[in-house]
Amino acid sequence: QCAGGYLVQLLPEVGRGPLTVMTERLEGFQSVEQPLREASFTPRRLLDQLLSGMPFTPLEESAVGFGCWCDRLRLLSALATLKRADLTELVASGELLEVRCDYCGLEYQIAPAELRGLLEKS
């Protein structure tokens, strides 16, 4: 239904005072489950609550979403890390290698000739 959290990174120049305040404040923020379920929730609202009264500078804001980075070149690069004997065995089988990405479900078919190319020195 929802997922979220926060990460607090204190920089070296933070003094004892702000560190004590932040430590005490974080004890009250052990779970963000309830705020996430509220229709009015925004990450900025959570940030304002966590850092209320403390000077801070947001550096970047970006949307979070699922996206798979798989592609044929990444797959071939991963296959290139196999032991030479394993690649040789795959080529010798003469069968099409079928690989499915566990994240996005996209299926790839790698011909023995492509695998043979991984055995050649560049």
PDB file of N, CA and C in Angstrom:
ATOM      1  N   GLN A   1       0.807  -1.193   0.000  1.00  0.00           N
ATOM      2  CA  GLN A   1       0.000   0.000   0.000  1.00  0.00           C
ATOM      3  C   GLN A   1       0.848   1.255   0.000  1.00  0.00           C
ATOM      4  N   CYS A   2       1.895   1.266   0.820  1.00  0.00           N
ATOM      5  CA  CYS A   2       2.788   2.412   0.848  1.00  0.00           C
ATOM      6  C   CYS A   2       4.115   1.988   1.472  1.00  0.00           C
ATOM      7  N   ALA A   3       5.114   2.765   1.198  1.00  0.00           N
ATOM      8  CA  ALA A   3       6.428   2.511   1.771  1.00  0.00           C
ATOM      9  C   ALA A   3       7.143   3.841   1.908  1.00  0.00           C
ATOM     10  N   GLY A   4       7.970   3.970   2.896  1.00  0.00           N
ATOM     11  CA  GLY A   4       8.700   5.218   3.055  1.00  0.00           C
ATOM     12  C   GLY A   4       9.654   5.145   4.220  1.00  0.00           C
ATOM     13  N   GLY A   5      10.408   6.178   4.355  1.00  0.00           N
ATOM     14  CA  GLY A   5      11.367   6.261   5.430  1.00  0.00           C
ATOM     15  C   GLY A   5      12.170   7.534   5.296  1.00  0.00           C
ATOM     16  N   TYR A   6      13.170   7.664   6.097  1.00  0.00           N
ATOM     17  CA  TYR A   6      14.028   8.831   6.020  1.00  0.00           C
ATOM     18  C   TYR A   6      15.429   8.433   6.447  1.00  0.00           C
ATOM     19  N   LEU A   7      16.380   9.202   6.006  1.00  0.00           N
ATOM     20  CA  LEU A   7      17.779   8.991   6.346  1.00  0.00           C
ATOM     21  C   LEU A   7      18.311  10.330   6.819  1.00  0.00           C
ATOM     22  N   VAL A   8      18.911  10.360   7.968  1.00  0.00           N
ATOM     23  CA  VAL A   8      19.476  11.595   8.501  1.00  0.00           C
ATOM     24  C   VAL A   8      20.989  11.464   8.454  1.00  0.00           C
ATOM     25  N   GLN A   9      21.620  12.421   7.796  1.00  0.00           N
ATOM     26  CA  GLN A   9      23.073  12.431   7.723  1.00  0.00           C
ATOM     27  C   GLN A   9      23.565  13.704   8.399  1.00  0.00           C
ATOM     28  N   LEU A  10      24.256  13.539   9.505  1.00  0.00           N
ATOM     29  CA  LEU A  10      24.794  14.681  10.223  1.00  0.00           C
ATOM     30  C   LEU A  10      26.202  14.963   9.718  1.00  0.00           C
ATOM     31  N   LEU A  11      26.442  16.191   9.385  1.00  0.00           N
ATOM     32  CA  LEU A  11      27.751  16.585   8.890  1.00  0.00           C
ATOM     33  C   LEU A  11      28.705  16.833  10.055  1.00  0.00           C
ATOM     34  N   PRO A  12      30.012  16.747   9.805  1.00  0.00           N
ATOM     35  CA  PRO A  12      31.000  16.850  10.892  1.00  0.00           C
ATOM     36  C   PRO A  12      30.898  18.133  11.712  1.00  0.00           C
ATOM     37  N   GLU A  13      30.453  19.235  11.107  1.00  0.00           N
ATOM     38  CA  GLU A  13      30.430  20.505  11.834  1.00  0.00           C
ATOM     39  C   GLU A  13      29.234  20.666  12.773  1.00  0.00           C
ATOM     40  N   VAL A  14      28.354  19.667  12.850  1.00  0.00           N
ATOM     41  CA  VAL A  14      27.199  19.738  13.747  1.00  0.00           C
ATOM     42  C   VAL A  14      27.683  19.689  15.194  1.00  0.00           C
ATOM     43  N   GLY A  15      27.235  20.645  15.982  1.00  0.00           N
ATOM     44  CA  GLY A  15      27.634  20.725  17.385  1.00  0.00           C
ATOM     45  C   GLY A  15      26.775  19.832  18.272  1.00  0.00           C
ATOM     46  N   ARG A  16      27.137  19.771  19.552  1.00  0.00           N
ATOM     47  CA  ARG A  16      26.413  18.926  20.509  1.00  0.00           C
ATOM     48  C   ARG A  16      24.953  19.336  20.669  1.00  0.00           C
ATOM     49  N   GLY A  17      24.658  20.621  20.680  1.00  0.00           N
ATOM     50  CA  GLY A  17      23.292  21.102  20.871  1.00  0.00           C
ATOM     51  C   GLY A  17      22.336  20.568  19.811  1.00  0.00           C
ATOM     52  N   PRO A  18      22.597  20.852  18.531  1.00  0.00           N
ATOM     53  CA  PRO A  18      21.718  20.329  17.482  1.00  0.00           C
ATOM     54  C   PRO A  18      21.682  18.804  17.451  1.00  0.00           C
ATOM     55  N   LEU A  19      22.799  18.177  17.762  1.00  0.00           N
ATOM     56  CA  LEU A  19      22.847  16.713  17.770  1.00  0.00           C
ATOM     57  C   LEU A  19      21.925  16.158  18.857  1.00  0.00           C
ATOM     58  N   THR A  20      21.937  16.765  20.042  1.00  0.00           N
ATOM     59  CA  THR A  20      21.065  16.330  21.137  1.00  0.00           C
ATOM     60  C   THR A  20      19.600  16.519  20.770  1.00  0.00           C
ATOM     61  N   VAL A  21      19.276  17.683  20.205  1.00  0.00           N
ATOM     62  CA  VAL A  21      17.891  17.956  19.798  1.00  0.00           C
ATOM     63  C   VAL A  21      17.450  16.941  18.745  1.00  0.00           C
ATOM     64  N   MET A  22      18.293  16.696  17.761  1.00  0.00           N
ATOM     65  CA  MET A  22      17.941  15.763  16.683  1.00  0.00           C
ATOM     66  C   MET A  22      17.771  14.350  17.222  1.00  0.00           C
ATOM     67  N   THR A  23      18.643  13.937  18.114  1.00  0.00           N
ATOM     68  CA  THR A  23      18.545  12.595  18.699  1.00  0.00           C
ATOM     69  C   THR A  23      17.222  12.429  19.438  1.00  0.00           C
ATOM     70  N   GLU A  24      16.863  13.402  20.249  1.00  0.00           N
ATOM     71  CA  GLU A  24      15.594  13.335  20.991  1.00  0.00           C
ATOM     72  C   GLU A  24      14.403  13.343  20.028  1.00  0.00           C
ATOM     73  N   ARG A  25      14.464  14.176  19.021  1.00  0.00           N
ATOM     74  CA  ARG A  25      13.364  14.283  18.060  1.00  0.00           C
ATOM     75  C   ARG A  25      13.191  12.974  17.281  1.00  0.00           C
ATOM     76  N   LEU A  26      14.271  12.337  16.914  1.00  0.00           N
ATOM     77  CA  LEU A  26      14.196  11.095  16.134  1.00  0.00           C
ATOM     78  C   LEU A  26      13.576   9.962  16.940  1.00  0.00           C
ATOM     79  N   GLU A  27      13.711  10.002  18.276  1.00  0.00           N
ATOM     80  CA  GLU A  27      13.090   8.977  19.103  1.00  0.00           C
ATOM     81  C   GLU A  27      11.575   8.999  18.954  1.00  0.00           C
ATOM     82  N   GLY A  28      11.016  10.164  18.668  1.00  0.00           N
ATOM     83  CA  GLY A  28       9.574  10.291  18.468  1.00  0.00           C
ATOM     84  C   GLY A  28       9.130   9.954  17.053  1.00  0.00           C
ATOM     85  N   PHE A  29      10.073   9.737  16.171  1.00  0.00           N
ATOM     86  CA  PHE A  29       9.768   9.423  14.774  1.00  0.00           C
ATOM     87  C   PHE A  29      10.175   7.991  14.445  1.00  0.00           C
ATOM     88  N   GLN A  30       9.864   7.062  15.305  1.00  0.00           N
ATOM     89  CA  GLN A  30      10.287   5.689  15.067  1.00  0.00           C
ATOM     90  C   GLN A  30       9.540   5.040  13.917  1.00  0.00           C
ATOM     91  N   SER A  31       8.330   5.487  13.633  1.00  0.00           N
ATOM     92  CA  SER A  31       7.559   4.901  12.544  1.00  0.00           C
ATOM     93  C   SER A  31       6.946   6.009  11.704  1.00  0.00           C
ATOM     94  N   VAL A  32       7.069   5.903  10.403  1.00  0.00           N
ATOM     95  CA  VAL A  32       6.439   6.876   9.507  1.00  0.00           C
ATOM     96  C   VAL A  32       5.206   6.269   8.844  1.00  0.00           C
ATOM     97  N   GLU A  33       4.810   5.093   9.316  1.00  0.00           N
ATOM     98  CA  GLU A  33       3.678   4.395   8.697  1.00  0.00           C
ATOM     99  C   GLU A  33       2.405   5.230   8.724  1.00  0.00           C
ATOM    100  N   GLN A  34       2.062   5.779   9.883  1.00  0.00           N
ATOM    101  CA  GLN A  34       0.815   6.548   9.985  1.00  0.00           C
ATOM    102  C   GLN A  34       0.846   7.799   9.104  1.00  0.00           C
ATOM    103  N   PRO A  35       1.884   8.633   9.178  1.00  0.00           N
ATOM    104  CA  PRO A  35       1.905   9.812   8.308  1.00  0.00           C
ATOM    105  C   PRO A  35       1.817   9.460   6.821  1.00  0.00           C
ATOM    106  N   LEU A  36       2.422   8.350   6.415  1.00  0.00           N
ATOM    107  CA  LEU A  36       2.369   7.961   5.007  1.00  0.00           C
ATOM    108  C   LEU A  36       0.947   7.669   4.542  1.00  0.00           C
ATOM    109  N   ARG A  37       0.116   7.209   5.434  1.00  0.00           N
ATOM    110  CA  ARG A  37      -1.260   6.857   5.087  1.00  0.00           C
ATOM    111  C   ARG A  37      -2.184   8.075   5.014  1.00  0.00           C
ATOM    112  N   GLU A  38      -1.733   9.202   5.536  1.00  0.00           N
ATOM    113  CA  GLU A  38      -2.557  10.409   5.529  1.00  0.00           C
ATOM    114  C   GLU A  38      -2.554  11.046   4.134  1.00  0.00           C
ATOM    115  N   ALA A  39      -3.729  11.507   3.711  1.00  0.00           N
ATOM    116  CA  ALA A  39      -3.866  12.112   2.377  1.00  0.00           C
ATOM    117  C   ALA A  39      -3.024  13.371   2.242  1.00  0.00           C
ATOM    118  N   SER A  40      -2.779  14.057   3.353  1.00  0.00           N
ATOM    119  CA  SER A  40      -2.034  15.319   3.295  1.00  0.00           C
ATOM    120  C   SER A  40      -0.521  15.123   3.376  1.00  0.00           C
ATOM    121  N   PHE A  41      -0.065  13.865   3.402  1.00  0.00           N
ATOM    122  CA  PHE A  41       1.370  13.603   3.562  1.00  0.00           C
ATOM    123  C   PHE A  41       2.164  14.116   2.375  1.00  0.00           C
ATOM    124  N   THR A  42       3.265  14.762   2.682  1.00  0.00           N
ATOM    125  CA  THR A  42       4.265  15.118   1.676  1.00  0.00           C
ATOM    126  C   THR A  42       5.628  14.914   2.319  1.00  0.00           C
ATOM    127  N   PRO A  43       6.631  14.576   1.548  1.00  0.00           N
ATOM    128  CA  PRO A  43       7.977  14.437   2.123  1.00  0.00           C
ATOM    129  C   PRO A  43       8.437  15.746   2.785  1.00  0.00           C
ATOM    130  N   ARG A  44       8.059  16.868   2.196  1.00  0.00           N
ATOM    131  CA  ARG A  44       8.474  18.159   2.760  1.00  0.00           C
ATOM    132  C   ARG A  44       7.879  18.355   4.162  1.00  0.00           C
ATOM    133  N   ARG A  45       6.625  17.900   4.359  1.00  0.00           N
ATOM    134  CA  ARG A  45       5.977  18.018   5.666  1.00  0.00           C
ATOM    135  C   ARG A  45       6.748  17.201   6.718  1.00  0.00           C
ATOM    136  N   LEU A  46       7.161  16.002   6.350  1.00  0.00           N
ATOM    137  CA  LEU A  46       7.942  15.172   7.263  1.00  0.00           C
ATOM    138  C   LEU A  46       9.279  15.842   7.569  1.00  0.00           C
ATOM    139  N   LEU A  47       9.916  16.385   6.556  1.00  0.00           N
ATOM    140  CA  LEU A  47      11.190  17.071   6.732  1.00  0.00           C
ATOM    141  C   LEU A  47      11.028  18.274   7.666  1.00  0.00           C
ATOM    142  N   ASP A  48       9.961  19.039   7.453  1.00  0.00           N
ATOM    143  CA  ASP A  48       9.707  20.192   8.322  1.00  0.00           C
ATOM    144  C   ASP A  48       9.483  19.762   9.768  1.00  0.00           C
ATOM    145  N   GLN A  49       8.826  18.627   9.986  1.00  0.00           N
ATOM    146  CA  GLN A  49       8.602  18.136  11.349  1.00  0.00           C
ATOM    147  C   GLN A  49       9.909  17.657  11.984  1.00  0.00           C
ATOM    148  N   LEU A  50      10.697  16.926  11.217  1.00  0.00           N
ATOM    149  CA  LEU A  50      11.966  16.419  11.745  1.00  0.00           C
ATOM    150  C   LEU A  50      12.939  17.542  12.074  1.00  0.00           C
ATOM    151  N   LEU A  51      12.948  18.576  11.241  1.00  0.00           N
ATOM    152  CA  LEU A  51      13.946  19.635  11.383  1.00  0.00           C
ATOM    153  C   LEU A  51      13.362  20.951  11.889  1.00  0.00           C
ATOM    154  N   SER A  52      12.200  20.910  12.473  1.00  0.00           N
ATOM    155  CA  SER A  52      11.535  22.120  12.964  1.00  0.00           C
ATOM    156  C   SER A  52      12.470  22.943  13.850  1.00  0.00           C
ATOM    157  N   GLY A  53      12.608  24.207  13.505  1.00  0.00           N
ATOM    158  CA  GLY A  53      13.441  25.109  14.296  1.00  0.00           C
ATOM    159  C   GLY A  53      14.923  24.986  14.039  1.00  0.00           C
ATOM    160  N   MET A  54      15.319  24.099  13.140  1.00  0.00           N
ATOM    161  CA  MET A  54      16.743  23.911  12.838  1.00  0.00           C
ATOM    162  C   MET A  54      17.004  24.401  11.414  1.00  0.00           C
ATOM    163  N   PRO A  55      18.081  25.143  11.212  1.00  0.00           N
ATOM    164  CA  PRO A  55      18.382  25.590   9.845  1.00  0.00           C
ATOM    165  C   PRO A  55      18.816  24.394   8.987  1.00  0.00           C
ATOM    166  N   PHE A  56      18.286  24.323   7.769  1.00  0.00           N
ATOM    167  CA  PHE A  56      18.694  23.263   6.845  1.00  0.00           C
ATOM    168  C   PHE A  56      18.530  23.755   5.419  1.00  0.00           C
ATOM    169  N   THR A  57      19.255  23.115   4.536  1.00  0.00           N
ATOM    170  CA  THR A  57      19.198  23.460   3.121  1.00  0.00           C
ATOM    171  C   THR A  57      18.922  22.200   2.317  1.00  0.00           C
ATOM    172  N   PRO A  58      17.718  22.098   1.726  1.00  0.00           N
ATOM    173  CA  PRO A  58      17.454  20.944   0.858  1.00  0.00           C
ATOM    174  C   PRO A  58      18.361  21.037  -0.371  1.00  0.00           C
ATOM    175  N   LEU A  59      19.033  19.958  -0.698  1.00  0.00           N
ATOM    176  CA  LEU A  59      19.958  19.971  -1.822  1.00  0.00           C
ATOM    177  C   LEU A  59      19.316  19.513  -3.123  1.00  0.00           C
ATOM    178  N   GLU A  60      18.394  18.565  -3.022  1.00  0.00           N
ATOM    179  CA  GLU A  60      17.777  18.047  -4.244  1.00  0.00           C
ATOM    180  C   GLU A  60      16.465  17.370  -3.886  1.00  0.00           C
ATOM    181  N   GLU A  61      15.565  17.372  -4.834  1.00  0.00           N
ATOM    182  CA  GLU A  61      14.305  16.672  -4.667  1.00  0.00           C
ATOM    183  C   GLU A  61      14.015  15.952  -5.979  1.00  0.00           C
ATOM    184  N   SER A  62      13.680  14.685  -5.880  1.00  0.00           N
ATOM    185  CA  SER A  62      13.380  13.922  -7.087  1.00  0.00           C
ATOM    186  C   SER A  62      12.304  12.896  -6.789  1.00  0.00           C
ATOM    187  N   ALA A  63      11.556  12.554  -7.818  1.00  0.00           N
ATOM    188  CA  ALA A  63      10.492  11.572  -7.669  1.00  0.00           C
ATOM    189  C   ALA A  63      11.094  10.181  -7.513  1.00  0.00           C
ATOM    190  N   VAL A  64      10.409   9.353  -6.757  1.00  0.00           N
ATOM    191  CA  VAL A  64      10.837   7.977  -6.558  1.00  0.00           C
ATOM    192  C   VAL A  64       9.888   7.087  -7.341  1.00  0.00           C
ATOM    193  N   GLY A  65      10.436   6.126  -8.042  1.00  0.00           N
ATOM    194  CA  GLY A  65       9.594   5.211  -8.793  1.00  0.00           C
ATOM    195  C   GLY A  65      10.365   3.969  -9.179  1.00  0.00           C
ATOM    196  N   PHE A  66       9.621   2.968  -9.568  1.00  0.00           N
ATOM    197  CA  PHE A  66      10.246   1.725  -9.982  1.00  0.00           C
ATOM    198  C   PHE A  66      10.718   1.858 -11.416  1.00  0.00           C
ATOM    199  N   GLY A  67      11.882   1.380 -11.671  1.00  0.00           N
ATOM    200  CA  GLY A  67      12.403   1.355 -13.027  1.00  0.00           C
ATOM    201  C   GLY A  67      13.510   0.326 -13.117  1.00  0.00           C
ATOM    202  N   CYS A  68      13.410  -0.528 -14.090  1.00  0.00           N
ATOM    203  CA  CYS A  68      14.435  -1.545 -14.262  1.00  0.00           C
ATOM    204  C   CYS A  68      15.467  -1.053 -15.275  1.00  0.00           C
ATOM    205  N   TRP A  69      16.703  -1.312 -14.996  1.00  0.00           N
ATOM    206  CA  TRP A  69      17.781  -0.859 -15.868  1.00  0.00           C
ATOM    207  C   TRP A  69      18.307  -1.979 -16.754  1.00  0.00           C
ATOM    208  N   CYS A  70      17.603  -3.088 -16.793  1.00  0.00           N
ATOM    209  CA  CYS A  70      18.142  -4.204 -17.578  1.00  0.00           C
ATOM    210  C   CYS A  70      18.114  -3.863 -19.066  1.00  0.00           C
ATOM    211  N   ASP A  71      19.063  -4.384 -19.788  1.00  0.00           N
ATOM    212  CA  ASP A  71      19.079  -4.322 -21.250  1.00  0.00           C
ATOM    213  C   ASP A  71      20.035  -5.408 -21.744  1.00  0.00           C
ATOM    214  N   ARG A  72      20.053  -5.603 -23.020  1.00  0.00           N
ATOM    215  CA  ARG A  72      20.839  -6.684 -23.616  1.00  0.00           C
ATOM    216  C   ARG A  72      22.336  -6.538 -23.305  1.00  0.00           C
ATOM    217  N   LEU A  73      22.850  -5.323 -23.389  1.00  0.00           N
ATOM    218  CA  LEU A  73      24.276  -5.092 -23.143  1.00  0.00           C
ATOM    219  C   LEU A  73      24.645  -5.428 -21.695  1.00  0.00           C
ATOM    220  N   ARG A  74      23.808  -5.044 -20.734  1.00  0.00           N
ATOM    221  CA  ARG A  74      24.074  -5.371 -19.329  1.00  0.00           C
ATOM    222  C   ARG A  74      24.053  -6.884 -19.114  1.00  0.00           C
ATOM    223  N   LEU A  75      23.113  -7.548 -19.778  1.00  0.00           N
ATOM    224  CA  LEU A  75      23.033  -9.007 -19.653  1.00  0.00           C
ATOM    225  C   LEU A  75      24.294  -9.658 -20.209  1.00  0.00           C
ATOM    226  N   LEU A  76      24.719  -9.231 -21.396  1.00  0.00           N
ATOM    227  CA  LEU A  76      25.936  -9.801 -21.989  1.00  0.00           C
ATOM    228  C   LEU A  76      27.151  -9.503 -21.113  1.00  0.00           C
ATOM    229  N   SER A  77      27.178  -8.315 -20.518  1.00  0.00           N
ATOM    230  CA  SER A  77      28.289  -7.970 -19.619  1.00  0.00           C
ATOM    231  C   SER A  77      28.304  -8.886 -18.401  1.00  0.00           C
ATOM    232  N   ALA A  78      27.124  -9.218 -17.884  1.00  0.00           N
ATOM    233  CA  ALA A  78      27.046 -10.139 -16.744  1.00  0.00           C
ATOM    234  C   ALA A  78      27.485 -11.537 -17.155  1.00  0.00           C
ATOM    235  N   LEU A  79      27.045 -11.977 -18.328  1.00  0.00           N
ATOM    236  CA  LEU A  79      27.447 -13.305 -18.813  1.00  0.00           C
ATOM    237  C   LEU A  79      28.958 -13.376 -19.033  1.00  0.00           C
ATOM    238  N   ALA A  80      29.571 -12.265 -19.399  1.00  0.00           N
ATOM    239  CA  ALA A  80      31.021 -12.237 -19.634  1.00  0.00           C
ATOM    240  C   ALA A  80      31.808 -12.503 -18.364  1.00  0.00           C
ATOM    241  N   THR A  81      31.171 -12.394 -17.210  1.00  0.00           N
ATOM    242  CA  THR A  81      31.875 -12.650 -15.948  1.00  0.00           C
ATOM    243  C   THR A  81      31.890 -14.135 -15.584  1.00  0.00           C
ATOM    244  N   LEU A  82      31.162 -14.952 -16.355  1.00  0.00           N
ATOM    245  CA  LEU A  82      31.167 -16.401 -16.091  1.00  0.00           C
ATOM    246  C   LEU A  82      32.536 -16.984 -16.382  1.00  0.00           C
ATOM    247  N   LYS A  83      32.825 -18.098 -15.766  1.00  0.00           N
ATOM    248  CA  LYS A  83      34.086 -18.799 -16.041  1.00  0.00           C
ATOM    249  C   LYS A  83      34.107 -19.217 -17.506  1.00  0.00           C
ATOM    250  N   ARG A  84      35.289 -19.219 -18.065  1.00  0.00           N
ATOM    251  CA  ARG A  84      35.453 -19.595 -19.475  1.00  0.00           C
ATOM    252  C   ARG A  84      34.857 -20.978 -19.752  1.00  0.00           C
ATOM    253  N   ALA A  85      35.052 -21.910 -18.832  1.00  0.00           N
ATOM    254  CA  ALA A  85      34.533 -23.267 -19.014  1.00  0.00           C
ATOM    255  C   ALA A  85      33.006 -23.265 -19.090  1.00  0.00           C
ATOM    256  N   ASP A  86      32.367 -22.429 -18.282  1.00  0.00           N
ATOM    257  CA  ASP A  86      30.906 -22.349 -18.301  1.00  0.00           C
ATOM    258  C   ASP A  86      30.404 -21.759 -19.626  1.00  0.00           C
ATOM    259  N   LEU A  87      31.080 -20.720 -20.102  1.00  0.00           N
ATOM    260  CA  LEU A  87      30.703 -20.129 -21.391  1.00  0.00           C
ATOM    261  C   LEU A  87      30.900 -21.128 -22.525  1.00  0.00           C
ATOM    262  N   THR A  88      32.004 -21.851 -22.484  1.00  0.00           N
ATOM    263  CA  THR A  88      32.288 -22.859 -23.505  1.00  0.00           C
ATOM    264  C   THR A  88      31.201 -23.919 -23.516  1.00  0.00           C
ATOM    265  N   GLU A  89      30.761 -24.324 -22.352  1.00  0.00           N
ATOM    266  CA  GLU A  89      29.693 -25.322 -22.246  1.00  0.00           C
ATOM    267  C   GLU A  89      28.380 -24.798 -22.829  1.00  0.00           C
ATOM    268  N   LEU A  90      28.059 -23.539 -22.549  1.00  0.00           N
ATOM    269  CA  LEU A  90      26.839 -22.940 -23.097  1.00  0.00           C
ATOM    270  C   LEU A  90      26.893 -22.865 -24.623  1.00  0.00           C
ATOM    271  N   VAL A  91      28.056 -22.507 -25.166  1.00  0.00           N
ATOM    272  CA  VAL A  91      28.223 -22.431 -26.616  1.00  0.00           C
ATOM    273  C   VAL A  91      28.106 -23.828 -27.225  1.00  0.00           C
ATOM    274  N   ALA A  92      28.756 -24.804 -26.598  1.00  0.00           N
ATOM    275  CA  ALA A  92      28.767 -26.173 -27.122  1.00  0.00           C
ATOM    276  C   ALA A  92      27.378 -26.798 -27.129  1.00  0.00           C
ATOM    277  N   SER A  93      26.507 -26.354 -26.251  1.00  0.00           N
ATOM    278  CA  SER A  93      25.158 -26.924 -26.205  1.00  0.00           C
ATOM    279  C   SER A  93      24.381 -26.596 -27.475  1.00  0.00           C
ATOM    280  N   GLY A  94      24.742 -25.487 -28.122  1.00  0.00           N
ATOM    281  CA  GLY A  94      24.076 -25.081 -29.357  1.00  0.00           C
ATOM    282  C   GLY A  94      22.650 -24.578 -29.142  1.00  0.00           C
ATOM    283  N   GLU A  95      22.241 -24.480 -27.909  1.00  0.00           N
ATOM    284  CA  GLU A  95      20.878 -24.045 -27.603  1.00  0.00           C
ATOM    285  C   GLU A  95      20.820 -22.539 -27.343  1.00  0.00           C
ATOM    286  N   LEU A  96      19.675 -21.987 -27.660  1.00  0.00           N
ATOM    287  CA  LEU A  96      19.401 -20.587 -27.383  1.00  0.00           C
ATOM    288  C   LEU A  96      19.310 -20.415 -25.865  1.00  0.00           C
ATOM    289  N   LEU A  97      20.032 -19.454 -25.330  1.00  0.00           N
ATOM    290  CA  LEU A  97      19.981 -19.178 -23.904  1.00  0.00           C
ATOM    291  C   LEU A  97      18.839 -18.199 -23.655  1.00  0.00           C
ATOM    292  N   GLU A  98      17.917 -18.565 -22.783  1.00  0.00           N
ATOM    293  CA  GLU A  98      16.786 -17.699 -22.465  1.00  0.00           C
ATOM    294  C   GLU A  98      16.922 -17.221 -21.031  1.00  0.00           C
ATOM    295  N   VAL A  99      16.891 -15.901 -20.868  1.00  0.00           N
ATOM    296  CA  VAL A  99      17.065 -15.287 -19.561  1.00  0.00           C
ATOM    297  C   VAL A  99      15.920 -14.300 -19.343  1.00  0.00           C
ATOM    298  N   ARG A 100      15.306 -14.379 -18.167  1.00  0.00           N
ATOM    299  CA  ARG A 100      14.218 -13.463 -17.831  1.00  0.00           C
ATOM    300  C   ARG A 100      14.646 -12.609 -16.650  1.00  0.00           C
ATOM    301  N   CYS A 101      14.433 -11.304 -16.759  1.00  0.00           N
ATOM    302  CA  CYS A 101      14.760 -10.375 -15.680  1.00  0.00           C
ATOM    303  C   CYS A 101      13.768 -10.589 -14.541  1.00  0.00           C
ATOM    304  N   ASP A 102      14.269 -10.821 -13.343  1.00  0.00           N
ATOM    305  CA  ASP A 102      13.414 -11.036 -12.178  1.00  0.00           C
ATOM    306  C   ASP A 102      12.672  -9.769 -11.757  1.00  0.00           C
ATOM    307  N   TYR A 103      13.165  -8.610 -12.157  1.00  0.00           N
ATOM    308  CA  TYR A 103      12.535  -7.358 -11.750  1.00  0.00           C
ATOM    309  C   TYR A 103      11.384  -6.964 -12.665  1.00  0.00           C
ATOM    310  N   CYS A 104      11.660  -6.875 -13.956  1.00  0.00           N
ATOM    311  CA  CYS A 104      10.626  -6.371 -14.872  1.00  0.00           C
ATOM    312  C   CYS A 104       9.973  -7.462 -15.711  1.00  0.00           C
ATOM    313  N   GLY A 105      10.551  -8.656 -15.715  1.00  0.00           N
ATOM    314  CA  GLY A 105       9.957  -9.773 -16.454  1.00  0.00           C
ATOM    315  C   GLY A 105      10.335  -9.819 -17.926  1.00  0.00           C
ATOM    316  N   LEU A 106      11.127  -8.889 -18.408  1.00  0.00           N
ATOM    317  CA  LEU A 106      11.547  -8.885 -19.809  1.00  0.00           C
ATOM    318  C   LEU A 106      12.394 -10.121 -20.090  1.00  0.00           C
ATOM    319  N   GLU A 107      12.142 -10.752 -21.240  1.00  0.00           N
ATOM    320  CA  GLU A 107      12.887 -11.962 -21.598  1.00  0.00           C
ATOM    321  C   GLU A 107      13.897 -11.667 -22.700  1.00  0.00           C
ATOM    322  N   TYR A 108      15.060 -12.249 -22.541  1.00  0.00           N
ATOM    323  CA  TYR A 108      16.146 -12.096 -23.511  1.00  0.00           C
ATOM    324  C   TYR A 108      16.498 -13.469 -24.048  1.00  0.00           C
ATOM    325  N   GLN A 109      16.831 -13.512 -25.346  1.00  0.00           N
ATOM    326  CA  GLN A 109      17.319 -14.743 -25.972  1.00  0.00           C
ATOM    327  C   GLN A 109      18.701 -14.463 -26.532  1.00  0.00           C
ATOM    328  N   ILE A 110      19.647 -15.271 -26.098  1.00  0.00           N
ATOM    329  CA  ILE A 110      21.045 -15.098 -26.505  1.00  0.00           C
ATOM    330  C   ILE A 110      21.458 -16.321 -27.312  1.00  0.00           C
ATOM    331  N   ALA A 111      21.851 -16.075 -28.550  1.00  0.00           N
ATOM    332  CA  ALA A 111      22.264 -17.159 -29.444  1.00  0.00           C
ATOM    333  C   ALA A 111      23.678 -17.632 -29.084  1.00  0.00           C
ATOM    334  N   PRO A 112      23.985 -18.899 -29.354  1.00  0.00           N
ATOM    335  CA  PRO A 112      25.331 -19.416 -29.078  1.00  0.00           C
ATOM    336  C   PRO A 112      26.429 -18.583 -29.749  1.00  0.00           C
ATOM    337  N   ALA A 113      26.148 -18.024 -30.914  1.00  0.00           N
ATOM    338  CA  ALA A 113      27.150 -17.213 -31.606  1.00  0.00           C
ATOM    339  C   ALA A 113      27.505 -15.968 -30.790  1.00  0.00           C
ATOM    340  N   GLU A 114      26.520 -15.386 -30.112  1.00  0.00           N
ATOM    341  CA  GLU A 114      26.794 -14.215 -29.270  1.00  0.00           C
ATOM    342  C   GLU A 114      27.655 -14.605 -28.073  1.00  0.00           C
ATOM    343  N   LEU A 115      27.353 -15.786 -27.517  1.00  0.00           N
ATOM    344  CA  LEU A 115      28.159 -16.274 -26.401  1.00  0.00           C
ATOM    345  C   LEU A 115      29.590 -16.570 -26.843  1.00  0.00           C
ATOM    346  N   ARG A 116      29.727 -17.080 -28.070  1.00  0.00           N
ATOM    347  CA  ARG A 116      31.054 -17.380 -28.615  1.00  0.00           C
ATOM    348  C   ARG A 116      31.884 -16.095 -28.680  1.00  0.00           C
ATOM    349  N   GLY A 117      31.206 -14.984 -28.994  1.00  0.00           N
ATOM    350  CA  GLY A 117      31.899 -13.694 -29.035  1.00  0.00           C
ATOM    351  C   GLY A 117      32.479 -13.298 -27.685  1.00  0.00           C
ATOM    352  N   LEU A 118      31.873 -13.762 -26.614  1.00  0.00           N
ATOM    353  CA  LEU A 118      32.389 -13.458 -25.264  1.00  0.00           C
ATOM    354  C   LEU A 118      33.678 -14.219 -24.974  1.00  0.00           C
ATOM    355  N   LEU A 119      33.888 -15.305 -25.723  1.00  0.00           N
ATOM    356  CA  LEU A 119      35.104 -16.115 -25.503  1.00  0.00           C
ATOM    357  C   LEU A 119      36.310 -15.554 -26.254  1.00  0.00           C
ATOM    358  N   GLU A 120      36.039 -14.705 -27.247  1.00  0.00           N
ATOM    359  CA  GLU A 120      37.133 -14.139 -28.047  1.00  0.00           C
ATOM    360  C   GLU A 120      37.791 -12.994 -27.303  1.00  0.00           C
ATOM    361  N   LYS A 121      39.102 -12.901 -27.433  1.00  0.00           N
ATOM    362  CA  LYS A 121      39.846 -11.807 -26.793  1.00  0.00           C
ATOM    363  C   LYS A 121      39.647 -10.535 -27.595  1.00  0.00           C
ATOM    364  N   SER A 122      39.513  -9.432 -26.876  1.00  0.00           N
ATOM    365  CA  SER A 122      39.358  -8.143 -27.570  1.00  0.00           C
ATOM    366  C   SER A 122      40.619  -7.326 -27.459  1.00  0.00           C
TER     367      SER A 122
END
